[in-house]
Amino acid sequence: MTPVEAVRSVNSTAYGYIPAWALLTACGERLFDRLPATVDELCDTYPDTDLTETWLRVLERDQLVAEMDGRWSTTDAMTPLLVGDDSYADYLGGQVLDGLAPRLMGGPGGANVLADVLHDPGRRTGYDGWFADAEEARAYQESQFAGSLGPARAISKLVPEPQGRILDLGGGWGAIARALADRHAVDVDVVDLAPVVAAAPPAGDRVTFLEGSALDPETWPAEVEYDGVVLSYLLSSVPGATHEPLLAALADRGVRWIAIHDFMTDRGELAAAWSLQHAVFVPGHRSFTSEQVADHLTSYGFASLAVNPIVDQMTAMVTAVR
């Protein structure tokens, strides 16, 4: 790497928050649903035309929008992602802008949360602390649900052909459960925290929401035989010391297959960054690679391992059958 390339690399990383800030704000404002438009036509909401045009120029850098003769439009490639109901904009403007970013980058009194927990890991409260507020839990799940619809469809195509009921631990509002039920005509039980289950929208006759803890087998449905289990974003959301006992409990429960979808640091350029976000507020967090997950599953008698990318450069799914 030359000195010039080194400077560019540092600056790209250091100032990367600015285009991210512009994009997340655009998603929160649902700007893309208002395009095409000129900056003058946006004046009813954004009265400073120079400020608005500067904002759009930042979005233009990454080909999110394009300008022709003073009229701004969402690019063809971005329209399916960022325009319309249940678009990715719902997730970026909801969970990332309103949920994750304030907690990770601002903190109480503008503190650097990463620096704080690096020095004092005990400051982390985890999802239990976050979801203690029912409205916070609802807002998080609403945006998470919107962002999970696409990955859920991909996951439903990659799991082993179900031969019976499926358990979705920590499944939130059931994006994956719904996709599994629709694709395979199978019944799915979603176990999650009380505030999450209470706010979950109806999901049809095949999906059942149950209050419980993904980490406490005593709260899972008793006397129910499950063919398989899905853990999506669960391992990155709970203390690392719970990973092996959880997998052991599932093995003892007799499931035929396990599918683990998460941020695996060896699978994608952004996987480690997302793992870091969880590490900042999950007590005892443990990052992991797909190889480590596969080794754990093998130790509990699972084989026929497969690793597939789900969210480009961010997440992967390890699937194991016995």
Protein backbone atom coordinates (compact mmCIF):
# COMPACT_ATOMS: atom_id res chain seq x y z
CA MET A 1 0.00 0.00 0.00
CA THR A 2 1.41 3.37 -1.01
CA PRO A 3 1.32 6.39 1.36
CA VAL A 4 -1.46 7.94 -0.72
CA GLU A 5 -3.50 4.72 -0.61
CA ALA A 6 -2.93 4.51 3.14
CA VAL A 7 -4.29 8.05 3.65
CA ARG A 8 -7.30 7.26 1.48
CA SER A 9 -7.99 4.08 3.44
CA VAL A 10 -7.81 5.89 6.77
CA ASN A 11 -10.03 8.72 5.55
CA SER A 12 -12.56 6.32 4.00
CA THR A 13 -12.93 4.52 7.32
CA ALA A 14 -12.81 7.61 9.54
CA TYR A 15 -15.35 9.61 7.53
CA GLY A 16 -17.54 6.68 6.55
CA TYR A 17 -20.05 7.74 9.19
CA ILE A 18 -21.01 10.80 7.10
CA PRO A 19 -22.55 9.00 4.07
CA ALA A 20 -24.01 6.45 6.51
CA TRP A 21 -25.57 9.32 8.46
CA ALA A 22 -26.99 10.77 5.24
CA LEU A 23 -28.45 7.42 4.16
CA LEU A 24 -29.95 6.54 7.55
CA THR A 25 -31.53 9.99 7.77
CA ALA A 26 -32.97 9.60 4.28
CA CYS A 27 -34.47 6.27 5.32
CA GLY A 28 -35.90 7.69 8.53
CA GLU A 29 -37.39 10.58 6.56
CA ARG A 30 -38.68 8.22 3.83
CA LEU A 31 -37.00 10.52 1.32
CA PHE A 32 -36.80 7.86 -1.39
CA ASP A 33 -40.59 7.55 -1.44
CA ARG A 34 -40.81 11.26 -2.32
CA LEU A 35 -38.55 11.07 -5.36
CA PRO A 36 -38.41 11.98 -8.20
CA ALA A 37 -38.50 15.64 -7.18
CA THR A 38 -36.50 18.85 -7.36
CA VAL A 39 -35.15 20.43 -4.19
CA ASP A 40 -37.75 23.19 -4.65
CA GLU A 41 -40.52 20.58 -4.66
CA LEU A 42 -39.18 19.26 -1.35
CA CYS A 43 -39.28 22.73 0.26
CA ASP A 44 -42.48 22.03 2.16
CA THR A 45 -40.47 19.66 4.36
CA TYR A 46 -36.87 20.80 3.81
CA PRO A 47 -36.89 24.61 3.44
CA ASP A 48 -33.12 25.13 3.00
CA THR A 49 -32.53 24.12 -0.62
CA ASP A 50 -28.75 24.32 -0.37
CA LEU A 51 -28.71 21.99 2.63
CA THR A 52 -31.09 19.58 0.89
CA GLU A 53 -29.01 19.54 -2.30
CA THR A 54 -25.82 18.91 -0.32
CA TRP A 55 -27.53 15.99 1.40
CA LEU A 56 -28.57 14.58 -1.97
CA ARG A 57 -25.03 14.99 -3.33
CA VAL A 58 -23.75 12.79 -0.54
CA LEU A 59 -26.34 10.14 -1.43
CA GLU A 60 -25.35 10.48 -5.09
CA ARG A 61 -21.78 9.42 -4.30
CA ASP A 62 -22.86 5.83 -3.70
CA GLN A 63 -25.37 5.84 -6.57
CA LEU A 64 -28.34 5.85 -4.24
CA VAL A 65 -29.85 8.77 -6.14
CA ALA A 66 -29.14 10.48 -9.45
CA GLU A 67 -29.80 14.00 -10.73
CA MET A 68 -30.82 15.08 -14.21
CA ASP A 69 -31.71 18.68 -15.08
CA GLY A 70 -32.25 19.52 -11.42
CA ARG A 71 -34.58 16.60 -10.79
CA TRP A 72 -33.50 13.92 -8.31
CA SER A 73 -34.54 10.27 -8.55
CA THR A 74 -33.78 7.06 -6.69
CA THR A 75 -31.59 4.98 -8.99
CA ASP A 76 -33.08 1.92 -10.66
CA ALA A 77 -30.83 -0.42 -8.67
CA MET A 78 -31.83 1.14 -5.33
CA THR A 79 -35.56 1.48 -5.93
CA PRO A 80 -36.45 -2.14 -5.02
CA LEU A 81 -34.43 -1.81 -1.79
CA LEU A 82 -35.41 1.65 -0.58
CA VAL A 83 -38.86 2.52 -1.96
CA GLY A 84 -42.25 1.31 -0.78
CA ASP A 85 -43.80 -0.45 2.17
CA ASP A 86 -41.61 -3.02 3.95
CA SER A 87 -38.53 -1.77 2.10
CA TYR A 88 -35.04 -1.95 3.58
CA ALA A 89 -35.52 1.73 4.43
CA ASP A 90 -37.89 0.68 7.22
CA TYR A 91 -35.10 -1.32 8.84
CA LEU A 92 -32.32 1.22 8.29
CA GLY A 93 -34.40 4.18 9.42
CA GLY A 94 -35.96 2.28 12.31
CA GLN A 95 -33.63 -0.17 14.00
CA VAL A 96 -30.29 1.26 12.86
CA LEU A 97 -30.99 5.01 12.96
CA ASP A 98 -33.37 5.10 15.91
CA GLY A 99 -32.22 2.04 17.85
CA LEU A 100 -28.64 0.93 17.40
CA ALA A 101 -26.86 4.14 16.38
CA PRO A 102 -27.94 6.27 19.37
CA ARG A 103 -27.00 3.55 21.84
CA LEU A 104 -23.66 2.74 20.30
CA MET A 105 -22.39 6.12 19.15
CA GLY A 106 -24.02 8.63 21.48
CA GLY A 107 -24.57 7.10 24.86
CA PRO A 108 -25.48 9.00 28.04
CA GLY A 109 -24.20 12.55 27.78
CA GLY A 110 -22.60 11.91 24.41
CA ALA A 111 -20.16 9.34 25.79
CA ASN A 112 -18.24 6.98 23.49
CA VAL A 113 -19.95 3.71 24.36
CA LEU A 114 -17.26 1.56 22.73
CA ALA A 115 -14.54 3.21 24.82
CA ASP A 116 -16.69 2.93 27.95
CA VAL A 117 -17.30 -0.80 27.67
CA LEU A 118 -13.72 -1.51 26.58
CA HIS A 119 -12.65 -0.15 29.96
CA ASP A 120 -15.62 -1.48 31.93
CA PRO A 121 -17.40 -4.45 30.29
CA GLY A 122 -19.80 -4.64 33.23
CA ARG A 123 -21.65 -1.56 31.95
CA ARG A 124 -23.46 -3.64 29.32
CA THR A 125 -27.15 -4.40 29.94
CA GLY A 126 -27.97 -6.59 26.91
CA TYR A 127 -31.30 -7.08 25.20
CA ASP A 128 -33.06 -7.80 28.49
CA GLY A 129 -32.29 -4.25 29.58
CA TRP A 130 -33.25 -2.79 26.22
CA PHE A 131 -36.53 -4.70 25.98
CA ALA A 132 -37.58 -3.96 29.56
CA ASP A 133 -39.41 -1.00 28.01
CA ALA A 134 -42.34 -2.41 26.03
CA GLU A 135 -42.36 0.46 23.53
CA GLU A 136 -38.61 0.08 22.93
CA ALA A 137 -39.15 -3.64 22.34
CA ARG A 138 -41.99 -2.96 19.91
CA ALA A 139 -40.02 -0.37 17.91
CA TYR A 140 -36.99 -2.65 17.67
CA GLN A 141 -39.01 -5.66 16.57
CA GLU A 142 -41.00 -3.68 14.02
CA SER A 143 -37.85 -2.55 12.21
CA GLN A 144 -36.12 -5.91 12.68
CA PHE A 145 -39.13 -7.63 11.15
CA ALA A 146 -39.06 -5.34 8.11
CA GLY A 147 -35.36 -5.99 7.59
CA SER A 148 -35.69 -9.75 8.02
CA LEU A 149 -38.30 -10.53 5.38
CA GLY A 150 -35.78 -10.98 2.56
CA PRO A 151 -33.25 -13.03 4.57
CA ALA A 152 -36.13 -15.12 5.94
CA ARG A 153 -37.11 -16.21 2.46
CA ALA A 154 -33.50 -17.17 1.72
CA ILE A 155 -33.26 -19.13 4.98
CA SER A 156 -36.51 -20.98 4.26
CA LYS A 157 -35.02 -22.26 0.99
CA LEU A 158 -31.81 -23.53 2.60
CA VAL A 159 -33.03 -25.46 5.65
CA PRO A 160 -33.39 -29.25 5.36
CA GLU A 161 -36.80 -30.30 4.09
CA PRO A 162 -38.87 -30.30 7.31
CA GLN A 163 -40.35 -33.58 8.49
CA GLY A 164 -42.20 -32.08 11.42
CA ARG A 165 -42.65 -29.06 13.67
CA ILE A 166 -39.92 -26.40 13.86
CA LEU A 167 -38.72 -24.37 16.86
CA ASP A 168 -37.60 -20.78 16.25
CA LEU A 169 -35.74 -19.59 19.35
CA GLY A 170 -35.57 -15.82 19.81
CA GLY A 171 -37.55 -15.43 16.60
CA GLY A 172 -39.01 -12.00 17.30
CA TRP A 173 -42.13 -11.27 15.28
CA GLY A 174 -41.60 -14.42 13.25
CA ALA A 175 -40.26 -13.29 9.88
CA ILE A 176 -38.42 -16.61 9.49
CA ALA A 177 -41.25 -18.64 11.03
CA ARG A 178 -43.72 -17.17 8.54
CA ALA A 179 -41.40 -17.90 5.62
CA LEU A 180 -40.89 -21.49 6.77
CA ALA A 181 -44.60 -22.04 7.29
CA ASP A 182 -45.47 -20.58 3.88
CA ARG A 183 -42.80 -22.45 1.93
CA HIS A 184 -43.02 -25.85 3.61
CA ALA A 185 -46.59 -25.91 5.01
CA VAL A 186 -45.13 -26.73 8.43
CA ASP A 187 -46.00 -25.60 11.97
CA VAL A 188 -43.49 -23.33 13.72
CA ASP A 189 -43.27 -22.29 17.38
CA VAL A 190 -41.57 -18.94 18.10
CA VAL A 191 -40.19 -18.55 21.63
CA ASP A 192 -39.21 -15.04 22.73
CA LEU A 193 -39.37 -12.55 25.59
CA ALA A 194 -42.77 -11.45 26.89
CA PRO A 195 -42.67 -7.85 25.51
CA VAL A 196 -41.75 -9.19 22.07
CA VAL A 197 -44.46 -11.86 21.97
CA ALA A 198 -47.10 -9.46 23.29
CA ALA A 199 -46.58 -7.06 20.38
CA ALA A 200 -46.20 -9.64 17.60
CA PRO A 201 -48.74 -9.24 14.77
CA PRO A 202 -50.86 -12.26 13.76
CA ALA A 203 -48.98 -14.78 11.61
CA GLY A 204 -51.59 -17.31 10.58
CA ASP A 205 -52.60 -20.69 11.96
CA ARG A 206 -49.23 -22.39 11.45
CA VAL A 207 -47.12 -19.95 13.53
CA THR A 208 -47.48 -19.90 17.32
CA PHE A 209 -45.84 -17.25 19.53
CA LEU A 210 -44.85 -18.41 23.02
CA GLU A 211 -43.47 -16.42 25.92
CA GLY A 212 -40.18 -17.80 27.19
CA SER A 213 -36.42 -17.55 27.17
CA ALA A 214 -34.33 -18.89 24.33
CA LEU A 215 -31.68 -19.76 26.93
CA ASP A 216 -33.95 -21.63 29.35
CA PRO A 217 -35.16 -25.01 28.06
CA GLU A 218 -37.63 -25.13 30.96
CA THR A 219 -39.62 -22.36 29.21
CA TRP A 220 -39.75 -24.14 25.85
CA PRO A 221 -42.91 -26.09 24.99
CA ALA A 222 -42.87 -29.34 26.93
CA GLU A 223 -43.64 -32.71 25.39
CA VAL A 224 -43.30 -31.35 21.86
CA GLU A 225 -41.08 -33.14 19.37
CA TYR A 226 -39.29 -30.79 17.00
CA ASP A 227 -37.76 -31.83 13.71
CA GLY A 228 -35.48 -28.80 13.55
CA VAL A 229 -34.58 -25.50 15.16
CA VAL A 230 -33.59 -22.11 13.81
CA LEU A 231 -31.35 -19.67 15.71
CA SER A 232 -31.19 -16.37 13.86
CA TYR A 233 -29.02 -13.63 15.38
CA LEU A 234 -29.40 -15.40 18.72
CA LEU A 235 -25.79 -16.39 19.47
CA SER A 236 -24.57 -12.83 18.87
CA SER A 237 -27.30 -11.49 21.18
CA VAL A 238 -26.56 -13.58 24.29
CA PRO A 239 -23.48 -14.14 26.49
CA GLY A 240 -20.88 -16.39 24.92
CA ALA A 241 -20.90 -18.72 27.91
CA THR A 242 -24.47 -19.72 27.01
CA HIS A 243 -23.68 -20.94 23.48
CA GLU A 244 -22.52 -24.45 24.30
CA PRO A 245 -25.20 -25.20 26.95
CA LEU A 246 -27.85 -24.01 24.50
CA LEU A 247 -26.63 -26.28 21.70
CA ALA A 248 -26.28 -29.17 24.16
CA ALA A 249 -29.89 -28.67 25.30
CA LEU A 250 -31.10 -28.73 21.70
CA ALA A 251 -29.11 -31.91 21.02
CA ASP A 252 -30.67 -33.49 24.12
CA ARG A 253 -34.08 -32.40 22.89
CA GLY A 254 -33.57 -34.65 19.87
CA VAL A 255 -33.84 -32.18 16.99
CA ARG A 256 -32.78 -33.66 13.66
CA TRP A 257 -31.27 -30.45 12.31
CA ILE A 258 -30.08 -27.04 13.49
CA ALA A 259 -29.74 -23.91 11.35
CA ILE A 260 -27.69 -21.05 12.86
CA HIS A 261 -27.86 -17.70 11.06
CA ASP A 262 -25.65 -14.93 12.42
CA PHE A 263 -22.69 -12.57 12.02
CA MET A 264 -19.74 -14.94 11.57
CA THR A 265 -16.48 -13.05 11.47
CA ASP A 266 -14.94 -15.18 8.71
CA ARG A 267 -17.89 -14.67 6.38
CA GLY A 268 -18.09 -11.19 4.87
CA GLU A 269 -16.36 -7.84 5.08
CA LEU A 270 -19.02 -6.37 7.39
CA ALA A 271 -19.51 -9.38 9.66
CA ALA A 272 -16.89 -8.32 12.21
CA ALA A 273 -18.30 -4.77 12.31
CA TRP A 274 -21.78 -6.05 13.12
CA SER A 275 -20.36 -8.44 15.67
CA LEU A 276 -18.67 -5.46 17.31
CA GLN A 277 -22.00 -3.63 17.57
CA HIS A 278 -23.45 -6.52 19.54
CA ALA A 279 -20.29 -6.90 21.62
CA VAL A 280 -20.71 -3.32 22.83
CA PHE A 281 -23.99 -3.94 24.65
CA VAL A 282 -24.31 -7.73 25.15
CA PRO A 283 -22.68 -8.81 28.46
CA GLY A 284 -20.11 -11.57 27.95
CA HIS A 285 -20.47 -11.40 24.16
CA ARG A 286 -18.37 -13.84 22.16
CA SER A 287 -17.64 -13.39 18.46
CA PHE A 288 -17.32 -16.57 16.41
CA THR A 289 -16.50 -17.95 12.99
CA SER A 290 -18.53 -20.39 10.93
CA GLU A 291 -15.82 -22.99 11.56
CA GLN A 292 -16.22 -22.63 15.34
CA VAL A 293 -20.00 -23.00 15.04
CA ALA A 294 -19.57 -26.09 12.87
CA ASP A 295 -17.12 -27.59 15.39
CA HIS A 296 -19.64 -27.11 18.21
CA LEU A 297 -22.40 -28.78 16.21
CA THR A 298 -20.14 -31.67 15.26
CA SER A 299 -19.27 -32.22 18.92
CA TYR A 300 -22.99 -32.73 19.65
CA GLY A 301 -23.41 -35.39 17.00
CA PHE A 302 -24.44 -33.31 14.00
CA ALA A 303 -22.92 -33.79 10.56
CA SER A 304 -23.78 -32.96 6.93
CA LEU A 305 -22.63 -29.42 7.55
CA ALA A 306 -23.33 -26.63 5.06
CA VAL A 307 -22.39 -22.94 5.20
CA ASN A 308 -24.30 -20.46 3.03
CA PRO A 309 -24.18 -16.65 2.77
CA ILE A 310 -27.49 -14.96 3.63
CA VAL A 311 -27.03 -11.17 3.83
CA ASP A 312 -24.27 -10.16 1.45
CA GLN A 313 -20.94 -9.58 3.25
CA MET A 314 -22.70 -9.63 6.63
CA THR A 315 -24.29 -12.92 7.67
CA ALA A 316 -24.05 -16.63 6.97
CA MET A 317 -25.97 -19.73 8.01
CA VAL A 318 -24.45 -22.96 9.25
CA THR A 319 -26.81 -25.90 8.85
CA ALA A 320 -26.18 -29.32 10.39
CA VAL A 321 -28.16 -32.57 10.21
CA ARG A 322 -27.91 -35.83 12.14
